[in-house]
């Protein structure tokens, strides 16, 4: 693999090592624990009773984030 800026990549991975390891763990498919008995358990049926509250919280978070002023970046010349 050819990397355009190997030293910058090495610096970033050194600085963000814990995060890199976390993402590697999250991306790893686990076969040593049972998550469900049948793949049909993953099928969407209907929202759970807590769905409305979660949706309201997520909508509030999204609304708060979009109300923040965005930093204006000048285009490179």
PDB file of N, CA and C in Angstrom:
ATOM      1  N   UNK A   1       0.846  -1.172   0.000  1.00  0.00           N
ATOM      2  CA  UNK A   1       0.000   0.000   0.000  1.00  0.00           C
ATOM      3  C   UNK A   1       0.890   1.234   0.000  1.00  0.00           C
ATOM      4  N   UNK A   2       0.628   2.122  -0.913  1.00  0.00           N
ATOM      5  CA  UNK A   2       1.412   3.341  -1.016  1.00  0.00           C
ATOM      6  C   UNK A   2       0.636   4.467  -0.328  1.00  0.00           C
ATOM      7  N   UNK A   3       1.284   5.140   0.602  1.00  0.00           N
ATOM      8  CA  UNK A   3       0.650   6.227   1.343  1.00  0.00           C
ATOM      9  C   UNK A   3       1.309   7.529   0.935  1.00  0.00           C
ATOM     10  N   UNK A   4       0.495   8.529   0.619  1.00  0.00           N
ATOM     11  CA  UNK A   4       1.019   9.808   0.142  1.00  0.00           C
ATOM     12  C   UNK A   4       1.882  10.488   1.195  1.00  0.00           C
ATOM     13  N   UNK A   5       1.442  10.472   2.455  1.00  0.00           N
ATOM     14  CA  UNK A   5       2.199  11.136   3.507  1.00  0.00           C
ATOM     15  C   UNK A   5       2.294  10.174   4.692  1.00  0.00           C
ATOM     16  N   UNK A   6       3.225   9.254   4.610  1.00  0.00           N
ATOM     17  CA  UNK A   6       3.363   8.196   5.608  1.00  0.00           C
ATOM     18  C   UNK A   6       3.649   8.746   6.997  1.00  0.00           C
ATOM     19  N   UNK A   7       4.442   9.794   7.095  1.00  0.00           N
ATOM     20  CA  UNK A   7       4.768  10.330   8.419  1.00  0.00           C
ATOM     21  C   UNK A   7       3.546  10.963   9.081  1.00  0.00           C
ATOM     22  N   UNK A   8       2.707  11.635   8.301  1.00  0.00           N
ATOM     23  CA  UNK A   8       1.483  12.227   8.855  1.00  0.00           C
ATOM     24  C   UNK A   8       0.529  11.122   9.309  1.00  0.00           C
ATOM     25  N   UNK A   9       0.439  10.056   8.529  1.00  0.00           N
ATOM     26  CA  UNK A   9      -0.400   8.922   8.908  1.00  0.00           C
ATOM     27  C   UNK A   9       0.118   8.286  10.193  1.00  0.00           C
ATOM     28  N   UNK A  10       1.414   8.095  10.290  1.00  0.00           N
ATOM     29  CA  UNK A  10       2.020   7.514  11.495  1.00  0.00           C
ATOM     30  C   UNK A  10       1.773   8.404  12.709  1.00  0.00           C
ATOM     31  N   UNK A  11       1.896   9.715  12.535  1.00  0.00           N
ATOM     32  CA  UNK A  11       1.632  10.646  13.642  1.00  0.00           C
ATOM     33  C   UNK A  11       0.181  10.558  14.097  1.00  0.00           C
ATOM     34  N   UNK A  12      -0.739  10.519  13.135  1.00  0.00           N
ATOM     35  CA  UNK A  12      -2.162  10.432  13.472  1.00  0.00           C
ATOM     36  C   UNK A  12      -2.477   9.131  14.184  1.00  0.00           C
ATOM     37  N   UNK A  13      -1.972   8.028  13.686  1.00  0.00           N
ATOM     38  CA  UNK A  13      -2.238   6.736  14.327  1.00  0.00           C
ATOM     39  C   UNK A  13      -1.615   6.667  15.721  1.00  0.00           C
ATOM     40  N   UNK A  14      -0.468   7.265  15.908  1.00  0.00           N
ATOM     41  CA  UNK A  14       0.153   7.305  17.235  1.00  0.00           C
ATOM     42  C   UNK A  14      -0.696   8.132  18.191  1.00  0.00           C
ATOM     43  N   UNK A  15      -1.127   9.287  17.730  1.00  0.00           N
ATOM     44  CA  UNK A  15      -1.924  10.194  18.553  1.00  0.00           C
ATOM     45  C   UNK A  15      -3.306   9.613  18.841  1.00  0.00           C
ATOM     46  N   UNK A  16      -3.891   8.940  17.890  1.00  0.00           N
ATOM     47  CA  UNK A  16      -5.260   8.421  17.998  1.00  0.00           C
ATOM     48  C   UNK A  16      -5.288   6.902  18.166  1.00  0.00           C
ATOM     49  N   UNK A  17      -4.244   6.348  18.758  1.00  0.00           N
ATOM     50  CA  UNK A  17      -4.119   4.883  18.885  1.00  0.00           C
ATOM     51  C   UNK A  17      -5.322   4.257  19.578  1.00  0.00           C
ATOM     52  N   UNK A  18      -5.749   4.834  20.701  1.00  0.00           N
ATOM     53  CA  UNK A  18      -6.879   4.268  21.439  1.00  0.00           C
ATOM     54  C   UNK A  18      -8.150   4.236  20.591  1.00  0.00           C
ATOM     55  N   UNK A  19      -8.373   5.305  19.858  1.00  0.00           N
ATOM     56  CA  UNK A  19      -9.558   5.343  18.988  1.00  0.00           C
ATOM     57  C   UNK A  19      -9.448   4.325  17.855  1.00  0.00           C
ATOM     58  N   UNK A  20      -8.274   4.205  17.286  1.00  0.00           N
ATOM     59  CA  UNK A  20      -8.067   3.246  16.204  1.00  0.00           C
ATOM     60  C   UNK A  20      -8.349   1.827  16.691  1.00  0.00           C
ATOM     61  N   UNK A  21      -7.873   1.504  17.891  1.00  0.00           N
ATOM     62  CA  UNK A  21      -8.120   0.165  18.451  1.00  0.00           C
ATOM     63  C   UNK A  21      -9.600  -0.039  18.755  1.00  0.00           C
ATOM     64  N   UNK A  22     -10.266   1.002  19.244  1.00  0.00           N
ATOM     65  CA  UNK A  22     -11.702   0.906  19.498  1.00  0.00           C
ATOM     66  C   UNK A  22     -12.456   0.619  18.203  1.00  0.00           C
ATOM     67  N   UNK A  23     -12.157   1.359  17.138  1.00  0.00           N
ATOM     68  CA  UNK A  23     -12.849   1.152  15.875  1.00  0.00           C
ATOM     69  C   UNK A  23     -12.544  -0.224  15.289  1.00  0.00           C
ATOM     70  N   UNK A  24     -11.327  -0.710  15.490  1.00  0.00           N
ATOM     71  CA  UNK A  24     -11.006  -2.061  15.033  1.00  0.00           C
ATOM     72  C   UNK A  24     -11.868  -3.079  15.779  1.00  0.00           C
ATOM     73  N   UNK A  25     -12.013  -2.885  17.089  1.00  0.00           N
ATOM     74  CA  UNK A  25     -12.853  -3.779  17.887  1.00  0.00           C
ATOM     75  C   UNK A  25     -14.304  -3.717  17.431  1.00  0.00           C
ATOM     76  N   UNK A  26     -14.807  -2.515  17.212  1.00  0.00           N
ATOM     77  CA  UNK A  26     -16.199  -2.351  16.791  1.00  0.00           C
ATOM     78  C   UNK A  26     -16.462  -2.957  15.413  1.00  0.00           C
ATOM     79  N   UNK A  27     -15.460  -2.950  14.556  1.00  0.00           N
ATOM     80  CA  UNK A  27     -15.623  -3.454  13.203  1.00  0.00           C
ATOM     81  C   UNK A  27     -15.416  -4.966  13.096  1.00  0.00           C
ATOM     82  N   UNK A  28     -14.997  -5.594  14.191  1.00  0.00           N
ATOM     83  CA  UNK A  28     -14.715  -7.025  14.173  1.00  0.00           C
ATOM     84  C   UNK A  28     -15.997  -7.825  14.396  1.00  0.00           C
ATOM     85  N   UNK A  29     -16.280  -8.723  13.489  1.00  0.00           N
ATOM     86  CA  UNK A  29     -17.439  -9.603  13.651  1.00  0.00           C
ATOM     87  C   UNK A  29     -17.122 -10.638  14.716  1.00  0.00           C
ATOM     88  N   UNK A  30     -17.995 -10.735  15.708  1.00  0.00           N
ATOM     89  CA  UNK A  30     -17.776 -11.649  16.817  1.00  0.00           C
ATOM     90  C   UNK A  30     -18.544 -12.943  16.578  1.00  0.00           C
ATOM     91  N   UNK A  31     -17.887 -14.057  16.805  1.00  0.00           N
ATOM     92  CA  UNK A  31     -18.556 -15.357  16.685  1.00  0.00           C
ATOM     93  C   UNK A  31     -18.569 -16.109  18.010  1.00  0.00           C
ATOM     94  N   UNK A  32     -18.002 -15.490  19.052  1.00  0.00           N
ATOM     95  CA  UNK A  32     -17.892 -16.182  20.334  1.00  0.00           C
ATOM     96  C   UNK A  32     -19.053 -15.891  21.287  1.00  0.00           C
ATOM     97  N   UNK A  33     -19.998 -15.040  20.875  1.00  0.00           N
ATOM     98  CA  UNK A  33     -21.164 -14.764  21.703  1.00  0.00           C
ATOM     99  C   UNK A  33     -22.422 -14.870  20.856  1.00  0.00           C
ATOM    100  N   UNK A  34     -23.489 -15.333  21.474  1.00  0.00           N
ATOM    101  CA  UNK A  34     -24.773 -15.462  20.766  1.00  0.00           C
ATOM    102  C   UNK A  34     -25.558 -14.159  20.926  1.00  0.00           C
ATOM    103  N   UNK A  35     -25.912 -13.551  19.825  1.00  0.00           N
ATOM    104  CA  UNK A  35     -26.684 -12.316  19.877  1.00  0.00           C
ATOM    105  C   UNK A  35     -28.171 -12.572  19.678  1.00  0.00           C
ATOM    106  N   UNK A  36     -28.490 -13.595  18.911  1.00  0.00           N
ATOM    107  CA  UNK A  36     -29.882 -13.950  18.653  1.00  0.00           C
ATOM    108  C   UNK A  36     -29.920 -15.403  18.235  1.00  0.00           C
ATOM    109  N   UNK A  37     -31.098 -15.998  18.389  1.00  0.00           N
ATOM    110  CA  UNK A  37     -31.247 -17.405  18.035  1.00  0.00           C
ATOM    111  C   UNK A  37     -31.539 -17.614  16.559  1.00  0.00           C
ATOM    112  N   UNK A  38     -32.236 -16.657  15.960  1.00  0.00           N
ATOM    113  CA  UNK A  38     -32.678 -16.799  14.579  1.00  0.00           C
ATOM    114  C   UNK A  38     -32.565 -15.442  13.882  1.00  0.00           C
ATOM    115  N   UNK A  39     -32.135 -15.431  12.659  1.00  0.00           N
ATOM    116  CA  UNK A  39     -31.956 -14.178  11.920  1.00  0.00           C
ATOM    117  C   UNK A  39     -33.284 -13.422  11.789  1.00  0.00           C
ATOM    118  N   UNK A  40     -34.405 -14.101  11.845  1.00  0.00           N
ATOM    119  CA  UNK A  40     -35.704 -13.422  11.761  1.00  0.00           C
ATOM    120  C   UNK A  40     -35.952 -12.504  12.956  1.00  0.00           C
ATOM    121  N   UNK A  41     -35.222 -12.684  14.046  1.00  0.00           N
ATOM    122  CA  UNK A  41     -35.340 -11.790  15.192  1.00  0.00           C
ATOM    123  C   UNK A  41     -34.878 -10.375  14.845  1.00  0.00           C
ATOM    124  N   UNK A  42     -34.101 -10.238  13.784  1.00  0.00           N
ATOM    125  CA  UNK A  42     -33.612  -8.931  13.368  1.00  0.00           C
ATOM    126  C   UNK A  42     -34.611  -8.174  12.506  1.00  0.00           C
ATOM    127  N   UNK A  43     -35.651  -8.833  12.067  1.00  0.00           N
ATOM    128  CA  UNK A  43     -36.653  -8.207  11.191  1.00  0.00           C
ATOM    129  C   UNK A  43     -37.405  -7.119  11.957  1.00  0.00           C
ATOM    130  N   UNK A  44     -37.591  -5.967  11.311  1.00  0.00           N
ATOM    131  CA  UNK A  44     -38.339  -4.860  11.900  1.00  0.00           C
ATOM    132  C   UNK A  44     -39.804  -5.260  12.007  1.00  0.00           C
ATOM    133  N   UNK A  45     -40.372  -5.085  13.174  1.00  0.00           N
ATOM    134  CA  UNK A  45     -41.788  -5.399  13.377  1.00  0.00           C
ATOM    135  C   UNK A  45     -42.574  -4.115  13.606  1.00  0.00           C
ATOM    136  N   UNK A  46     -42.191  -3.395  14.611  1.00  0.00           N
ATOM    137  CA  UNK A  46     -42.820  -2.119  14.931  1.00  0.00           C
ATOM    138  C   UNK A  46     -41.957  -1.433  15.985  1.00  0.00           C
ATOM    139  N   UNK A  47     -42.153  -0.151  16.169  1.00  0.00           N
ATOM    140  CA  UNK A  47     -41.346   0.527  17.187  1.00  0.00           C
ATOM    141  C   UNK A  47     -41.695   0.031  18.591  1.00  0.00           C
ATOM    142  N   UNK A  48     -40.710   0.038  19.453  1.00  0.00           N
ATOM    143  CA  UNK A  48     -40.943  -0.348  20.845  1.00  0.00           C
ATOM    144  C   UNK A  48     -41.603   0.825  21.573  1.00  0.00           C
ATOM    145  N   UNK A  49     -42.112   0.595  22.762  1.00  0.00           N
ATOM    146  CA  UNK A  49     -42.754   1.686  23.513  1.00  0.00           C
ATOM    147  C   UNK A  49     -41.816   2.865  23.799  1.00  0.00           C
ATOM    148  N   UNK A  50     -40.518   2.642  23.823  1.00  0.00           N
ATOM    149  CA  UNK A  50     -39.579   3.731  24.117  1.00  0.00           C
ATOM    150  C   UNK A  50     -39.136   4.496  22.867  1.00  0.00           C
ATOM    151  N   UNK A  51     -39.620   4.082  21.705  1.00  0.00           N
ATOM    152  CA  UNK A  51     -39.171   4.699  20.459  1.00  0.00           C
ATOM    153  C   UNK A  51     -39.514   6.189  20.381  1.00  0.00           C
ATOM    154  N   UNK A  52     -40.720   6.563  20.769  1.00  0.00           N
ATOM    155  CA  UNK A  52     -41.148   7.968  20.656  1.00  0.00           C
ATOM    156  C   UNK A  52     -40.238   8.880  21.473  1.00  0.00           C
ATOM    157  N   UNK A  53     -39.886   8.466  22.687  1.00  0.00           N
ATOM    158  CA  UNK A  53     -39.014   9.289  23.530  1.00  0.00           C
ATOM    159  C   UNK A  53     -37.619   9.401  22.920  1.00  0.00           C
ATOM    160  N   UNK A  54     -37.110   8.304  22.398  1.00  0.00           N
ATOM    161  CA  UNK A  54     -35.790   8.327  21.763  1.00  0.00           C
ATOM    162  C   UNK A  54     -35.801   9.220  20.532  1.00  0.00           C
ATOM    163  N   UNK A  55     -36.841   9.107  19.715  1.00  0.00           N
ATOM    164  CA  UNK A  55     -36.947   9.935  18.512  1.00  0.00           C
ATOM    165  C   UNK A  55     -37.002  11.414  18.880  1.00  0.00           C
ATOM    166  N   UNK A  56     -37.720  11.753  19.937  1.00  0.00           N
ATOM    167  CA  UNK A  56     -37.801  13.147  20.374  1.00  0.00           C
ATOM    168  C   UNK A  56     -36.430  13.648  20.824  1.00  0.00           C
ATOM    169  N   UNK A  57     -35.685  12.811  21.557  1.00  0.00           N
ATOM    170  CA  UNK A  57     -34.348  13.211  21.996  1.00  0.00           C
ATOM    171  C   UNK A  57     -33.418  13.419  20.813  1.00  0.00           C
ATOM    172  N   UNK A  58     -33.464  12.502  19.846  1.00  0.00           N
ATOM    173  CA  UNK A  58     -32.602  12.621  18.666  1.00  0.00           C
ATOM    174  C   UNK A  58     -32.969  13.843  17.842  1.00  0.00           C
ATOM    175  N   UNK A  59     -34.264  14.105  17.704  1.00  0.00           N
ATOM    176  CA  UNK A  59     -34.709  15.269  16.951  1.00  0.00           C
ATOM    177  C   UNK A  59     -34.253  16.546  17.640  1.00  0.00           C
ATOM    178  N   UNK A  60     -34.342  16.584  18.966  1.00  0.00           N
ATOM    179  CA  UNK A  60     -33.888  17.764  19.711  1.00  0.00           C
ATOM    180  C   UNK A  60     -32.395  17.968  19.527  1.00  0.00           C
ATOM    181  N   UNK A  61     -31.630  16.890  19.575  1.00  0.00           N
ATOM    182  CA  UNK A  61     -30.178  16.998  19.392  1.00  0.00           C
ATOM    183  C   UNK A  61     -29.851  17.493  17.993  1.00  0.00           C
ATOM    184  N   UNK A  62     -30.550  16.985  16.993  1.00  0.00           N
ATOM    185  CA  UNK A  62     -30.320  17.417  15.613  1.00  0.00           C
ATOM    186  C   UNK A  62     -30.691  18.881  15.452  1.00  0.00           C
ATOM    187  N   UNK A  63     -31.821  19.272  16.021  1.00  0.00           N
ATOM    188  CA  UNK A  63     -32.263  20.660  15.933  1.00  0.00           C
ATOM    189  C   UNK A  63     -31.262  21.584  16.599  1.00  0.00           C
ATOM    190  N   UNK A  64     -30.780  21.215  17.790  1.00  0.00           N
ATOM    191  CA  UNK A  64     -29.786  22.033  18.482  1.00  0.00           C
ATOM    192  C   UNK A  64     -28.519  22.175  17.653  1.00  0.00           C
ATOM    193  N   UNK A  65     -28.099  21.083  17.022  1.00  0.00           N
ATOM    194  CA  UNK A  65     -26.870  21.115  16.237  1.00  0.00           C
ATOM    195  C   UNK A  65     -27.021  22.008  15.002  1.00  0.00           C
ATOM    196  N   UNK A  66     -28.193  21.998  14.375  1.00  0.00           N
ATOM    197  CA  UNK A  66     -28.365  22.798  13.160  1.00  0.00           C
ATOM    198  C   UNK A  66     -28.574  24.274  13.467  1.00  0.00           C
ATOM    199  N   UNK A  67     -28.883  24.589  14.710  1.00  0.00           N
ATOM    200  CA  UNK A  67     -29.055  25.995  15.082  1.00  0.00           C
ATOM    201  C   UNK A  67     -27.733  26.682  15.381  1.00  0.00           C
ATOM    202  N   UNK A  68     -26.694  25.907  15.599  1.00  0.00           N
ATOM    203  CA  UNK A  68     -25.387  26.499  15.888  1.00  0.00           C
ATOM    204  C   UNK A  68     -24.859  27.185  14.640  1.00  0.00           C
ATOM    205  N   UNK A  69     -24.229  28.326  14.825  1.00  0.00           N
ATOM    206  CA  UNK A  69     -23.659  28.988  13.641  1.00  0.00           C
ATOM    207  C   UNK A  69     -22.492  28.170  13.088  1.00  0.00           C
ATOM    208  N   UNK A  70     -22.462  28.073  11.809  1.00  0.00           N
ATOM    209  CA  UNK A  70     -21.387  27.330  11.150  1.00  0.00           C
ATOM    210  C   UNK A  70     -20.218  28.265  10.899  1.00  0.00           C
ATOM    211  N   UNK A  71     -19.053  27.717  11.039  1.00  0.00           N
ATOM    212  CA  UNK A  71     -17.856  28.492  10.744  1.00  0.00           C
ATOM    213  C   UNK A  71     -17.768  28.683   9.235  1.00  0.00           C
ATOM    214  N   UNK A  72     -17.508  29.864   8.832  1.00  0.00           N
ATOM    215  CA  UNK A  72     -17.391  30.159   7.395  1.00  0.00           C
ATOM    216  C   UNK A  72     -15.949  29.973   6.992  1.00  0.00           C
ATOM    217  N   UNK A  73     -15.745  29.079   6.037  1.00  0.00           N
ATOM    218  CA  UNK A  73     -14.384  28.836   5.549  1.00  0.00           C
ATOM    219  C   UNK A  73     -14.215  29.510   4.211  1.00  0.00           C
ATOM    220  N   UNK A  74     -13.099  30.155   4.058  1.00  0.00           N
ATOM    221  CA  UNK A  74     -12.815  30.771   2.776  1.00  0.00           C
ATOM    222  C   UNK A  74     -12.315  29.704   1.814  1.00  0.00           C
ATOM    223  N   UNK A  75     -12.702  29.835   0.567  1.00  0.00           N
ATOM    224  CA  UNK A  75     -12.241  28.868  -0.417  1.00  0.00           C
ATOM    225  C   UNK A  75     -10.779  29.159  -0.748  1.00  0.00           C
ATOM    226  N   UNK A  76      -9.996  28.083  -0.942  1.00  0.00           N
ATOM    227  CA  UNK A  76      -8.584  28.277  -1.289  1.00  0.00           C
ATOM    228  C   UNK A  76      -8.443  28.897  -2.664  1.00  0.00           C
ATOM    229  N   UNK A  77      -7.436  29.717  -2.801  1.00  0.00           N
ATOM    230  CA  UNK A  77      -7.230  30.392  -4.097  1.00  0.00           C
ATOM    231  C   UNK A  77      -5.985  29.930  -4.759  1.00  0.00           C
TER     232      UNK A  77
END
